C-alpha atoms as a PDB file:
ATOM      1  CA  MET A   1     238.384 105.539  59.635  1.00  0.00           C
ATOM      2  CA  SER A   2     236.495 102.991  57.551  1.00  0.00           C
ATOM      3  CA  LEU A   3     233.967 104.013  54.805  1.00  0.00           C
ATOM      4  CA  ARG A   4     230.244 103.129  55.077  1.00  0.00           C
ATOM      5  CA  ILE A   5     229.573 101.145  51.940  1.00  0.00           C
ATOM      6  CA  ILE A   6     226.543  99.814  50.275  1.00  0.00           C
ATOM      7  CA  PHE A   7     227.724  96.839  47.951  1.00  0.00           C
ATOM      8  CA  MET A   8     225.679  95.999  44.849  1.00  0.00           C
ATOM      9  CA  GLY A   9     226.510  92.827  43.000  1.00  0.00           C
ATOM     10  CA  THR A  10     225.097  89.388  41.974  1.00  0.00           C
ATOM     11  CA  PRO A  11     227.243  86.739  40.426  1.00  0.00           C
ATOM     12  CA  GLU A  12     230.367  84.778  41.593  1.00  0.00           C
ATOM     13  CA  PHE A  13     232.473  87.473  39.960  1.00  0.00           C
ATOM     14  CA  SER A  14     231.332  89.903  42.554  1.00  0.00           C
ATOM     15  CA  VAL A  15     231.963  87.871  45.639  1.00  0.00           C
ATOM     16  CA  PRO A  16     235.794  88.448  46.168  1.00  0.00           C
ATOM     17  CA  THR A  17     235.121  92.295  45.953  1.00  0.00           C
ATOM     18  CA  LEU A  18     232.618  92.120  48.775  1.00  0.00           C
ATOM     19  CA  GLN A  19     234.768  89.837  50.797  1.00  0.00           C
ATOM     20  CA  ASN A  20     237.889  92.027  50.328  1.00  0.00           C
ATOM     21  CA  LEU A  21     236.184  95.209  51.272  1.00  0.00           C
ATOM     22  CA  LYS A  22     234.977  93.554  54.397  1.00  0.00           C
ATOM     23  CA  GLN A  23     238.422  92.204  55.308  1.00  0.00           C
ATOM     24  CA  ALA A  24     239.864  95.636  54.754  1.00  0.00           C
ATOM     25  CA  GLY A  25     237.818  96.982  57.642  1.00  0.00           C
ATOM     26  CA  HIS A  26     235.218  98.917  55.883  1.00  0.00           C
ATOM     27  CA  GLU A  27     231.611  98.914  57.127  1.00  0.00           C
ATOM     28  CA  ILE A  28     229.257  97.213  54.675  1.00  0.00           C
ATOM     29  CA  VAL A  29     225.987  98.562  55.873  1.00  0.00           C
ATOM     30  CA  ALA A  30     223.916  96.613  53.332  1.00  0.00           C
ATOM     31  CA  VAL A  31     224.183  94.310  50.201  1.00  0.00           C
ATOM     32  CA  TYR A  32     221.884  94.626  47.105  1.00  0.00           C
ATOM     33  CA  SER A  33     221.621  91.818  44.832  1.00  0.00           C
ATOM     34  CA  GLN A  34     219.218  90.444  42.133  1.00  0.00           C
ATOM     35  CA  PRO A  35     216.236  88.543  43.689  1.00  0.00           C
ATOM     36  CA  PRO A  36     216.327  84.810  44.107  1.00  0.00           C
ATOM     37  CA  ARG A  37     215.564  82.982  40.761  1.00  0.00           C
ATOM     38  CA  PRO A  38     214.141  79.639  40.030  1.00  0.00           C
ATOM     39  CA  GLY A  39     216.916  77.036  39.974  1.00  0.00           C
ATOM     40  CA  GLY A  40     217.914  73.793  41.706  1.00  0.00           C
ATOM     41  CA  ARG A  41     217.770  70.347  40.052  1.00  0.00           C
ATOM     42  CA  ARG A  42     214.196  70.735  38.704  1.00  0.00           C
ATOM     43  CA  GLY A  43     214.252  74.565  38.418  1.00  0.00           C
ATOM     44  CA  LEU A  44     211.435  74.831  40.952  1.00  0.00           C
ATOM     45  CA  ASP A  45     213.363  76.168  44.059  1.00  0.00           C
ATOM     46  CA  LEU A  46     214.271  79.825  44.387  1.00  0.00           C
ATOM     47  CA  VAL A  47     217.923  80.220  44.728  1.00  0.00           C
ATOM     48  CA  LYS A  48     219.707  83.014  46.112  1.00  0.00           C
ATOM     49  CA  SER A  49     222.517  84.707  44.102  1.00  0.00           C
ATOM     50  CA  PRO A  50     226.190  83.975  45.015  1.00  0.00           C
ATOM     51  CA  VAL A  51     226.594  87.494  46.486  1.00  0.00           C
ATOM     52  CA  HIS A  52     223.437  87.124  48.540  1.00  0.00           C
ATOM     53  CA  GLN A  53     224.616  83.935  50.022  1.00  0.00           C
ATOM     54  CA  ALA A  54     228.231  85.420  50.623  1.00  0.00           C
ATOM     55  CA  ALA A  55     226.550  88.459  52.450  1.00  0.00           C
ATOM     56  CA  GLU A  56     224.424  86.319  54.667  1.00  0.00           C
ATOM     57  CA  LEU A  57     227.553  84.341  55.784  1.00  0.00           C
ATOM     58  CA  LEU A  58     229.137  87.675  56.607  1.00  0.00           C
ATOM     59  CA  GLY A  59     226.091  88.704  58.610  1.00  0.00           C
ATOM     60  CA  ILE A  60     225.342  91.681  56.240  1.00  0.00           C
ATOM     61  CA  PRO A  61     221.625  92.503  55.457  1.00  0.00           C
ATOM     62  CA  VAL A  62     220.544  91.786  51.918  1.00  0.00           C
ATOM     63  CA  LEU A  63     218.029  93.633  49.847  1.00  0.00           C
ATOM     64  CA  THR A  64     216.607  92.374  46.501  1.00  0.00           C
ATOM     65  CA  PRO A  65     214.364  95.030  44.955  1.00  0.00           C
ATOM     66  CA  LEU A  66     213.230  94.271  41.254  1.00  0.00           C
ATOM     67  CA  ASN A  67     214.224  97.766  40.520  1.00  0.00           C
ATOM     68  CA  PHE A  68     214.314 101.187  42.017  1.00  0.00           C
ATOM     69  CA  LYS A  69     211.104 102.615  40.546  1.00  0.00           C
ATOM     70  CA  VAL A  70     209.281 102.419  43.821  1.00  0.00           C
ATOM     71  CA  GLU A  71     210.026 105.509  45.922  1.00  0.00           C
ATOM     72  CA  GLU A  72     210.120 103.373  49.104  1.00  0.00           C
ATOM     73  CA  ASP A  73     213.176 101.459  47.678  1.00  0.00           C
ATOM     74  CA  ARG A  74     214.864 104.660  46.931  1.00  0.00           C
ATOM     75  CA  GLU A  75     214.292 105.983  50.282  1.00  0.00           C
ATOM     76  CA  THR A  76     215.533 102.824  51.981  1.00  0.00           C
ATOM     77  CA  PHE A  77     218.891 103.201  49.968  1.00  0.00           C
ATOM     78  CA  ARG A  78     219.434 106.862  51.102  1.00  0.00           C
ATOM     79  CA  ALA A  79     218.416 105.962  54.679  1.00  0.00           C
ATOM     80  CA  PHE A  80     221.559 103.960  55.036  1.00  0.00           C
ATOM     81  CA  GLU A  81     223.530 107.168  54.791  1.00  0.00           C
ATOM     82  CA  ALA A  82     226.445 105.494  53.010  1.00  0.00           C
ATOM     83  CA  ASP A  83     229.563 107.180  52.068  1.00  0.00           C
ATOM     84  CA  VAL A  84     229.624 105.211  48.784  1.00  0.00           C
ATOM     85  CA  ALA A  85     228.170 102.476  46.789  1.00  0.00           C
ATOM     86  CA  VAL A  86     230.222  99.872  45.228  1.00  0.00           C
ATOM     87  CA  VAL A  87     228.807  98.156  42.141  1.00  0.00           C
ATOM     88  CA  VAL A  88     230.284  94.879  40.505  1.00  0.00           C
ATOM     89  CA  ALA A  89     227.962  93.062  37.929  1.00  0.00           C
ATOM     90  CA  TYR A  90     224.802  94.047  39.774  1.00  0.00           C
ATOM     91  CA  GLY A  91     222.696  93.526  36.634  1.00  0.00           C
ATOM     92  CA  LEU A  92     220.454  96.559  36.681  1.00  0.00           C
ATOM     93  CA  LEU A  93     220.943 100.084  35.292  1.00  0.00           C
ATOM     94  CA  LEU A  94     220.732 102.379  38.254  1.00  0.00           C
ATOM     95  CA  PRO A  95     218.671 105.562  38.233  1.00  0.00           C
ATOM     96  CA  GLU A  96     219.842 108.906  39.115  1.00  0.00           C
ATOM     97  CA  ALA A  97     218.301 108.680  42.580  1.00  0.00           C
ATOM     98  CA  ILE A  98     220.599 105.823  43.453  1.00  0.00           C
ATOM     99  CA  LEU A  99     223.649 107.233  41.701  1.00  0.00           C
ATOM    100  CA  THR A 100     223.411 110.343  43.905  1.00  0.00           C
ATOM    101  CA  GLY A 101     221.990 108.504  47.030  1.00  0.00           C
ATOM    102  CA  THR A 102     225.382 108.291  48.788  1.00  0.00           C
ATOM    103  CA  LYS A 103     227.757 110.989  49.970  1.00  0.00           C
ATOM    104  CA  LEU A 104     230.544 110.190  47.412  1.00  0.00           C
ATOM    105  CA  GLY A 105     228.534 108.578  44.631  1.00  0.00           C
ATOM    106  CA  CYS A 106     228.737 105.003  43.250  1.00  0.00           C
ATOM    107  CA  TYR A 107     231.979 103.317  41.852  1.00  0.00           C
ATOM    108  CA  ASN A 108     231.718 100.279  39.455  1.00  0.00           C
ATOM    109  CA  GLY A 109     234.233  97.484  38.808  1.00  0.00           C
ATOM    110  CA  HIS A 110     234.281  96.806  35.258  1.00  0.00           C
ATOM    111  CA  ALA A 111     236.031  94.113  33.278  1.00  0.00           C
ATOM    112  CA  SER A 112     237.485  95.722  30.210  1.00  0.00           C
ATOM    113  CA  LEU A 113     239.803  98.746  29.305  1.00  0.00           C
ATOM    114  CA  LEU A 114     237.217 101.314  28.760  1.00  0.00           C
ATOM    115  CA  PRO A 115     235.916 102.787  26.449  1.00  0.00           C
ATOM    116  CA  ARG A 116     236.614  99.546  24.739  1.00  0.00           C
ATOM    117  CA  TRP A 117     233.850  96.963  25.569  1.00  0.00           C
ATOM    118  CA  ARG A 118     231.314  98.844  27.468  1.00  0.00           C
ATOM    119  CA  GLY A 119     228.172  96.766  28.410  1.00  0.00           C
ATOM    120  CA  ALA A 120     227.197  93.308  29.443  1.00  0.00           C
ATOM    121  CA  ALA A 121     229.806  90.738  27.984  1.00  0.00           C
ATOM    122  CA  PRO A 122     233.188  92.436  28.072  1.00  0.00           C
ATOM    123  CA  ILE A 123     235.297  89.370  28.867  1.00  0.00           C
ATOM    124  CA  GLN A 124     233.798  87.145  26.111  1.00  0.00           C
ATOM    125  CA  ARG A 125     233.903  89.904  23.613  1.00  0.00           C
ATOM    126  CA  ALA A 126     237.527  90.770  24.239  1.00  0.00           C
ATOM    127  CA  ILE A 127     238.562  87.183  23.626  1.00  0.00           C
ATOM    128  CA  MET A 128     236.247  86.779  20.702  1.00  0.00           C
ATOM    129  CA  ALA A 129     237.790  89.763  19.100  1.00  0.00           C
ATOM    130  CA  GLY A 130     241.387  88.578  19.638  1.00  0.00           C
ATOM    131  CA  ASP A 131     242.364  91.114  21.949  1.00  0.00           C
ATOM    132  CA  GLU A 132     245.823  90.570  23.570  1.00  0.00           C
ATOM    133  CA  LYS A 133     245.167  92.444  26.817  1.00  0.00           C
ATOM    134  CA  THR A 134     242.107  93.603  28.972  1.00  0.00           C
ATOM    135  CA  GLY A 135     241.856  94.652  32.572  1.00  0.00           C
ATOM    136  CA  MET A 136     239.643  95.898  35.467  1.00  0.00           C
ATOM    137  CA  MET A 137     238.714  99.466  35.800  1.00  0.00           C
ATOM    138  CA  VAL A 138     237.152 101.137  38.788  1.00  0.00           C
ATOM    139  CA  MET A 139     234.966 104.032  37.446  1.00  0.00           C
ATOM    140  CA  GLN A 140     232.631 106.554  38.904  1.00  0.00           C
ATOM    141  CA  MET A 141     229.103 105.764  37.694  1.00  0.00           C
ATOM    142  CA  GLU A 142     226.925 108.207  35.779  1.00  0.00           C
ATOM    143  CA  LYS A 143     223.602 107.746  33.877  1.00  0.00           C
ATOM    144  CA  GLY A 144     225.414 106.451  30.606  1.00  0.00           C
ATOM    145  CA  LEU A 145     226.292 102.810  30.147  1.00  0.00           C
ATOM    146  CA  ASP A 146     229.933 102.462  31.412  1.00  0.00           C
ATOM    147  CA  THR A 147     230.695 106.122  30.449  1.00  0.00           C
ATOM    148  CA  GLY A 148     231.840 107.564  33.719  1.00  0.00           C
ATOM    149  CA  PRO A 149     235.276 108.909  34.483  1.00  0.00           C
ATOM    150  CA  VAL A 150     237.997 106.169  35.325  1.00  0.00           C
ATOM    151  CA  ALA A 151     239.539 106.112  38.742  1.00  0.00           C
ATOM    152  CA  LEU A 152     242.013 103.057  38.625  1.00  0.00           C
ATOM    153  CA  THR A 153     243.115 100.623  35.953  1.00  0.00           C
ATOM    154  CA  LYS A 154     244.795  97.218  36.268  1.00  0.00           C
ATOM    155  CA  GLU A 155     245.783  95.656  32.897  1.00  0.00           C
ATOM    156  CA  VAL A 156     245.843  91.844  32.354  1.00  0.00           C
ATOM    157  CA  ALA A 157     247.309  90.006  29.545  1.00  0.00           C
ATOM    158  CA  ILE A 158     244.919  87.640  27.499  1.00  0.00           C
ATOM    159  CA  GLY A 159     247.014  84.352  26.585  1.00  0.00           C
ATOM    160  CA  GLU A 160     246.545  82.733  23.325  1.00  0.00           C
ATOM    161  CA  ALA A 161     244.830  79.728  24.639  1.00  0.00           C
ATOM    162  CA  MET A 162     242.984  81.500  27.651  1.00  0.00           C
ATOM    163  CA  THR A 163     239.267  80.756  27.773  1.00  0.00           C
ATOM    164  CA  ALA A 164     236.592  83.181  28.897  1.00  0.00           C
ATOM    165  CA  GLY A 165     236.320  81.204  32.109  1.00  0.00           C
ATOM    166  CA  GLU A 166     239.975  81.450  32.900  1.00  0.00           C
ATOM    167  CA  LEU A 167     239.919  85.081  32.288  1.00  0.00           C
ATOM    168  CA  HIS A 168     236.778  85.629  34.276  1.00  0.00           C
ATOM    169  CA  ASP A 169     238.586  83.979  37.401  1.00  0.00           C
ATOM    170  CA  LYS A 170     241.714  86.101  37.064  1.00  0.00           C
ATOM    171  CA  LEU A 171     239.864  89.353  36.542  1.00  0.00           C
ATOM    172  CA  MET A 172     237.553  88.455  39.539  1.00  0.00           C
ATOM    173  CA  LEU A 173     240.539  88.610  41.936  1.00  0.00           C
ATOM    174  CA  VAL A 174     242.432  91.528  40.122  1.00  0.00           C
ATOM    175  CA  GLY A 175     239.141  93.459  40.439  1.00  0.00           C
ATOM    176  CA  ALA A 176     238.700  92.845  44.061  1.00  0.00           C
ATOM    177  CA  ARG A 177     242.045  94.036  44.928  1.00  0.00           C
ATOM    178  CA  ALA A 178     241.638  97.123  42.753  1.00  0.00           C
ATOM    179  CA  MET A 179     238.490  98.182  44.284  1.00  0.00           C
ATOM    180  CA  VAL A 180     240.022  97.969  47.827  1.00  0.00           C
ATOM    181  CA  GLU A 181     242.783 100.179  46.539  1.00  0.00           C
ATOM    182  CA  ALA A 182     240.342 102.511  44.985  1.00  0.00           C
ATOM    183  CA  MET A 183     238.361 102.947  48.248  1.00  0.00           C
ATOM    184  CA  GLU A 184     241.503 103.436  50.303  1.00  0.00           C
ATOM    185  CA  LYS A 185     242.368 106.343  48.055  1.00  0.00           C
ATOM    186  CA  LEU A 186     238.694 107.619  48.084  1.00  0.00           C
ATOM    187  CA  LYS A 187     238.833 107.462  51.864  1.00  0.00           C
ATOM    188  CA  ALA A 188     241.975 109.713  51.778  1.00  0.00           C
ATOM    189  CA  ARG A 189     240.203 111.994  49.168  1.00  0.00           C
ATOM    190  CA  ASP A 190     242.977 111.122  46.807  1.00  0.00           C
ATOM    191  CA  LEU A 191     241.231 109.211  43.977  1.00  0.00           C
ATOM    192  CA  PRO A 192     241.818 110.945  40.691  1.00  0.00           C
ATOM    193  CA  LEU A 193     239.215 110.794  37.968  1.00  0.00           C
ATOM    194  CA  THR A 194     240.034 110.798  34.347  1.00  0.00           C
ATOM    195  CA  PRO A 195     237.345 111.226  31.633  1.00  0.00           C
ATOM    196  CA  GLN A 196     237.013 108.383  29.145  1.00  0.00           C
ATOM    197  CA  SER A 197     238.221 108.919  25.529  1.00  0.00           C
ATOM    198  CA  ASP A 198     235.621 109.576  22.818  1.00  0.00           C
ATOM    199  CA  GLU A 199     237.703 107.365  20.618  1.00  0.00           C
ATOM    200  CA  GLY A 200     237.744 103.581  20.495  1.00  0.00           C
ATOM    201  CA  VAL A 201     234.286 102.952  21.930  1.00  0.00           C
ATOM    202  CA  LEU A 202     233.022  99.509  21.545  1.00  0.00           C
ATOM    203  CA  TYR A 203     230.013  97.879  23.034  1.00  0.00           C
ATOM    204  CA  ALA A 204     229.994  94.314  24.497  1.00  0.00           C
ATOM    205  CA  ALA A 205     226.534  93.068  23.748  1.00  0.00           C
ATOM    206  CA  LYS A 206     225.094  90.127  25.620  1.00  0.00           C
ATOM    207  CA  ILE A 207     225.911  86.926  24.082  1.00  0.00           C
ATOM    208  CA  ASP A 208     223.063  85.782  21.805  1.00  0.00           C
ATOM    209  CA  LYS A 209     222.377  81.996  21.526  1.00  0.00           C
ATOM    210  CA  GLY A 210     222.253  82.646  17.655  1.00  0.00           C
ATOM    211  CA  GLU A 211     225.850  83.534  17.528  1.00  0.00           C
ATOM    212  CA  THR A 212     227.255  80.377  19.415  1.00  0.00           C
ATOM    213  CA  ARG A 213     227.362  78.000  16.504  1.00  0.00           C
ATOM    214  CA  ILE A 214     230.922  77.554  15.045  1.00  0.00           C
ATOM    215  CA  ASP A 215     231.366  78.400  11.384  1.00  0.00           C
ATOM    216  CA  PHE A 216     234.455  76.558  10.290  1.00  0.00           C
ATOM    217  CA  ALA A 217     234.466  78.593   7.006  1.00  0.00           C
ATOM    218  CA  ARG A 218     235.736  81.564   8.988  1.00  0.00           C
ATOM    219  CA  PRO A 219     239.526  82.203   9.408  1.00  0.00           C
ATOM    220  CA  VAL A 220     241.016  79.837  11.752  1.00  0.00           C
ATOM    221  CA  HIS A 221     242.151  82.427  14.286  1.00  0.00           C
ATOM    222  CA  ASP A 222     238.584  83.771  14.240  1.00  0.00           C
ATOM    223  CA  VAL A 223     237.210  80.157  14.902  1.00  0.00           C
ATOM    224  CA  HIS A 224     239.741  79.598  17.882  1.00  0.00           C
ATOM    225  CA  ASN A 225     238.875  82.942  19.369  1.00  0.00           C
ATOM    226  CA  HIS A 226     235.128  82.200  19.069  1.00  0.00           C
ATOM    227  CA  ILE A 227     235.495  78.761  20.793  1.00  0.00           C
ATOM    228  CA  ARG A 228     237.535  80.008  23.612  1.00  0.00           C
ATOM    229  CA  GLY A 229     235.669  83.196  24.055  1.00  0.00           C
ATOM    230  CA  LEU A 230     232.454  81.202  24.663  1.00  0.00           C
ATOM    231  CA  SER A 231     234.097  78.539  26.906  1.00  0.00           C
ATOM    232  CA  PRO A 232     232.663  77.259  29.373  1.00  0.00           C
ATOM    233  CA  PHE A 233     229.508  79.201  28.975  1.00  0.00           C
ATOM    234  CA  PRO A 234     227.365  79.413  26.990  1.00  0.00           C
ATOM    235  CA  GLY A 235     229.688  77.132  24.780  1.00  0.00           C
ATOM    236  CA  ALA A 236     230.350  77.228  21.187  1.00  0.00           C
ATOM    237  CA  TRP A 237     228.987  74.165  19.303  1.00  0.00           C
ATOM    238  CA  PHE A 238     228.810  72.331  15.970  1.00  0.00           C
ATOM    239  CA  GLU A 239     226.536  69.723  14.762  1.00  0.00           C
ATOM    240  CA  ALA A 240     227.585  66.255  13.615  1.00  0.00           C
ATOM    241  CA  GLU A 241     225.672  63.140  12.632  1.00  0.00           C
ATOM    242  CA  ILE A 242     226.143  60.497  15.328  1.00  0.00           C
ATOM    243  CA  ASN A 243     224.575  56.986  14.691  1.00  0.00           C
ATOM    244  CA  GLY A 244     222.412  58.445  12.073  1.00  0.00           C
ATOM    245  CA  LYS A 245     221.004  61.357  14.077  1.00  0.00           C
ATOM    246  CA  PRO A 246     222.189  64.991  14.278  1.00  0.00           C
ATOM    247  CA  GLU A 247     223.726  65.847  17.504  1.00  0.00           C
ATOM    248  CA  ARG A 248     224.886  69.249  18.826  1.00  0.00           C
ATOM    249  CA  ILE A 249     228.307  69.094  20.325  1.00  0.00           C
ATOM    250  CA  LYS A 250     229.799  71.771  22.466  1.00  0.00           C
ATOM    251  CA  VAL A 251     233.421  72.672  22.168  1.00  0.00           C
ATOM    252  CA  LEU A 252     235.109  73.785  25.261  1.00  0.00           C
ATOM    253  CA  GLY A 253     238.849  73.996  24.114  1.00  0.00           C
ATOM    254  CA  SER A 254     240.813  74.343  20.953  1.00  0.00           C
ATOM    255  CA  GLU A 255     244.204  75.126  19.623  1.00  0.00           C
ATOM    256  CA  ILE A 256     245.629  76.099  16.121  1.00  0.00           C
ATOM    257  CA  GLY A 257     246.351  72.960  14.209  1.00  0.00           C
ATOM    258  CA  THR A 258     247.803  72.134  10.885  1.00  0.00           C
ATOM    259  CA  GLY A 259     246.515  70.969   7.534  1.00  0.00           C
ATOM    260  CA  GLU A 260     244.058  72.301   5.036  1.00  0.00           C
ATOM    261  CA  GLY A 261     240.981  71.250   3.196  1.00  0.00           C
ATOM    262  CA  VAL A 262     237.348  72.145   2.575  1.00  0.00           C
ATOM    263  CA  ALA A 263     236.045  74.080   5.583  1.00  0.00           C
ATOM    264  CA  GLY A 264     234.338  71.936   8.104  1.00  0.00           C
ATOM    265  CA  THR A 265     236.250  68.797   7.034  1.00  0.00           C
ATOM    266  CA  VAL A 266     237.589  66.461   9.779  1.00  0.00           C
ATOM    267  CA  LEU A 267     241.348  66.248   8.825  1.00  0.00           C
ATOM    268  CA  ASP A 268     242.650  63.418  11.034  1.00  0.00           C
ATOM    269  CA  ASP A 269     241.988  61.210  14.095  1.00  0.00           C
ATOM    270  CA  ALA A 270     242.798  64.013  16.503  1.00  0.00           C
ATOM    271  CA  LEU A 271     239.742  66.167  15.674  1.00  0.00           C
ATOM    272  CA  THR A 272     241.594  68.753  13.506  1.00  0.00           C
ATOM    273  CA  ILE A 273     239.040  70.585  11.450  1.00  0.00           C
ATOM    274  CA  ALA A 274     239.774  72.602   8.315  1.00  0.00           C
ATOM    275  CA  CYS A 275     238.978  76.206   8.401  1.00  0.00           C
ATOM    276  CA  ASP A 276     239.722  79.169   6.203  1.00  0.00           C
ATOM    277  CA  GLU A 277     243.437  79.831   6.400  1.00  0.00           C
ATOM    278  CA  GLY A 278     244.309  76.802   8.223  1.00  0.00           C
ATOM    279  CA  ALA A 279     242.797  74.332  10.752  1.00  0.00           C
ATOM    280  CA  VAL A 280     241.908  74.264  14.378  1.00  0.00           C
ATOM    281  CA  ARG A 281     242.173  71.147  16.607  1.00  0.00           C
ATOM    282  CA  LEU A 282     239.355  70.626  19.098  1.00  0.00           C
ATOM    283  CA  THR A 283     240.728  69.608  22.524  1.00  0.00           C
ATOM    284  CA  ARG A 284     237.727  69.443  24.847  1.00  0.00           C
ATOM    285  CA  LEU A 285     234.241  68.581  23.968  1.00  0.00           C
ATOM    286  CA  GLN A 286     230.814  67.740  25.396  1.00  0.00           C
ATOM    287  CA  LYS A 287     227.825  66.144  24.250  1.00  0.00           C
ATOM    288  CA  ALA A 288     224.292  67.254  25.344  1.00  0.00           C
ATOM    289  CA  GLY A 289     223.651  65.751  28.842  1.00  0.00           C
ATOM    290  CA  GLY A 290     227.388  64.457  29.047  1.00  0.00           C
ATOM    291  CA  LYS A 291     230.591  65.397  30.836  1.00  0.00           C
ATOM    292  CA  PRO A 292     233.201  67.550  29.292  1.00  0.00           C
ATOM    293  CA  LEU A 293     235.782  65.217  27.782  1.00  0.00           C
ATOM    294  CA  ALA A 294     239.351  65.650  26.408  1.00  0.00           C
ATOM    295  CA  ALA A 295     239.291  64.928  22.544  1.00  0.00           C
ATOM    296  CA  ALA A 296     240.853  61.533  22.759  1.00  0.00           C
ATOM    297  CA  ASP A 297     238.309  60.317  25.338  1.00  0.00           C
ATOM    298  CA  PHE A 298     235.342  61.868  23.530  1.00  0.00           C
ATOM    299  CA  LEU A 299     236.359  60.015  20.321  1.00  0.00           C
ATOM    300  CA  ARG A 300     236.176  56.670  22.069  1.00  0.00           C
ATOM    301  CA  GLY A 301     232.485  57.093  22.544  1.00  0.00           C
ATOM    302  CA  THR A 302     231.780  59.392  19.522  1.00  0.00           C
ATOM    303  CA  PRO A 303     233.861  58.535  16.489  1.00  0.00           C
ATOM    304  CA  LEU A 304     234.226  61.300  14.045  1.00  0.00           C
ATOM    305  CA  ALA A 305     236.344  59.906  11.174  1.00  0.00           C
ATOM    306  CA  ALA A 306     238.838  61.735   9.126  1.00  0.00           C
ATOM    307  CA  GLY A 307     237.087  62.876   5.933  1.00  0.00           C
ATOM    308  CA  THR A 308     233.771  63.649   7.645  1.00  0.00           C
ATOM    309  CA  LEU A 309     232.340  67.054   6.551  1.00  0.00           C
ATOM    310  CA  LEU A 310     230.509  68.867   9.330  1.00  0.00           C
ATOM    311  CA  PRO A 311     227.363  70.791   8.439  1.00  0.00           C
ATOM    312  CA  SER A 312     227.740  74.499   7.879  1.00  0.00           C
ATOM    313  CA  PRO A 313     225.428  76.924   9.580  1.00  0.00           C
ATOM    314  CA  ALA A 314     222.600  78.242   7.505  1.00  0.00           C
ATOM    315  CA  GLY A 315     223.685  80.780   4.998  1.00  0.00           C
ATOM    316  CA  THR A 316     227.331  79.424   4.851  1.00  0.00           C
ATOM    317  CA  PRO A 317     228.469  78.100   1.452  1.00  0.00           C
END
């Protein structure tokens, strides 16, 4: 017998979980997603979220309340008489009325090894911190931010060169399989719940634009982790003078290089940049309005000669 599921999600990351639950034979009675937002080429058209679009292809009704402060929205949710709500990157803190609005509660797919990296940006923060592993956890939701008991854990190794985009795509699929497994256990009333530890709690704050600029005065491994943790979005960047004008250049790939010098100095013709305790080689870059390019292709149109000193962020010696 299948479960009656309300699915709640918004970005591409959530789509495989929705699809896999449907393929597993569960009855998805409704999908909740964030409302359509301005988008398109000129930002004038309202664009439905990836989950919204996927649900329509599956023939599932979609609801897009701004929040659940209106009692009518809460009543609509309860009226589905669902067994469980599955939440993956929905983008909204759920009130008690929703958390208790199904027979078996709400279960969230979270992209970290809780209690490490609770919050909005666990994938980026794990890489930026130099973590060697992360994972997907299925947890029962409660009023606190990612504080509920854990039902299922799937660990994933973080490679030394892995970017946030690559880790996102891997966890997206791991999480989809994990949620199907968890729902099968829940259906059989055999889903154990383990309270989270009070130790090792870290919060994955949303990435702020003010922290995206590269500071080459930091230790080289921190610089490398910063670059790959923000790739491809929003992208770490540095400023360089091109044809007499300062330009912002986004860095989408890097590796640990060789050499030393004053932090921010271009050391060679392969875009190796001096940092504290070593050097980082930039492997993939993008100018504003341009396409991502391998370093060699980038340098053909935007020369950065050896000896160039890249400006430091404000406040950096």
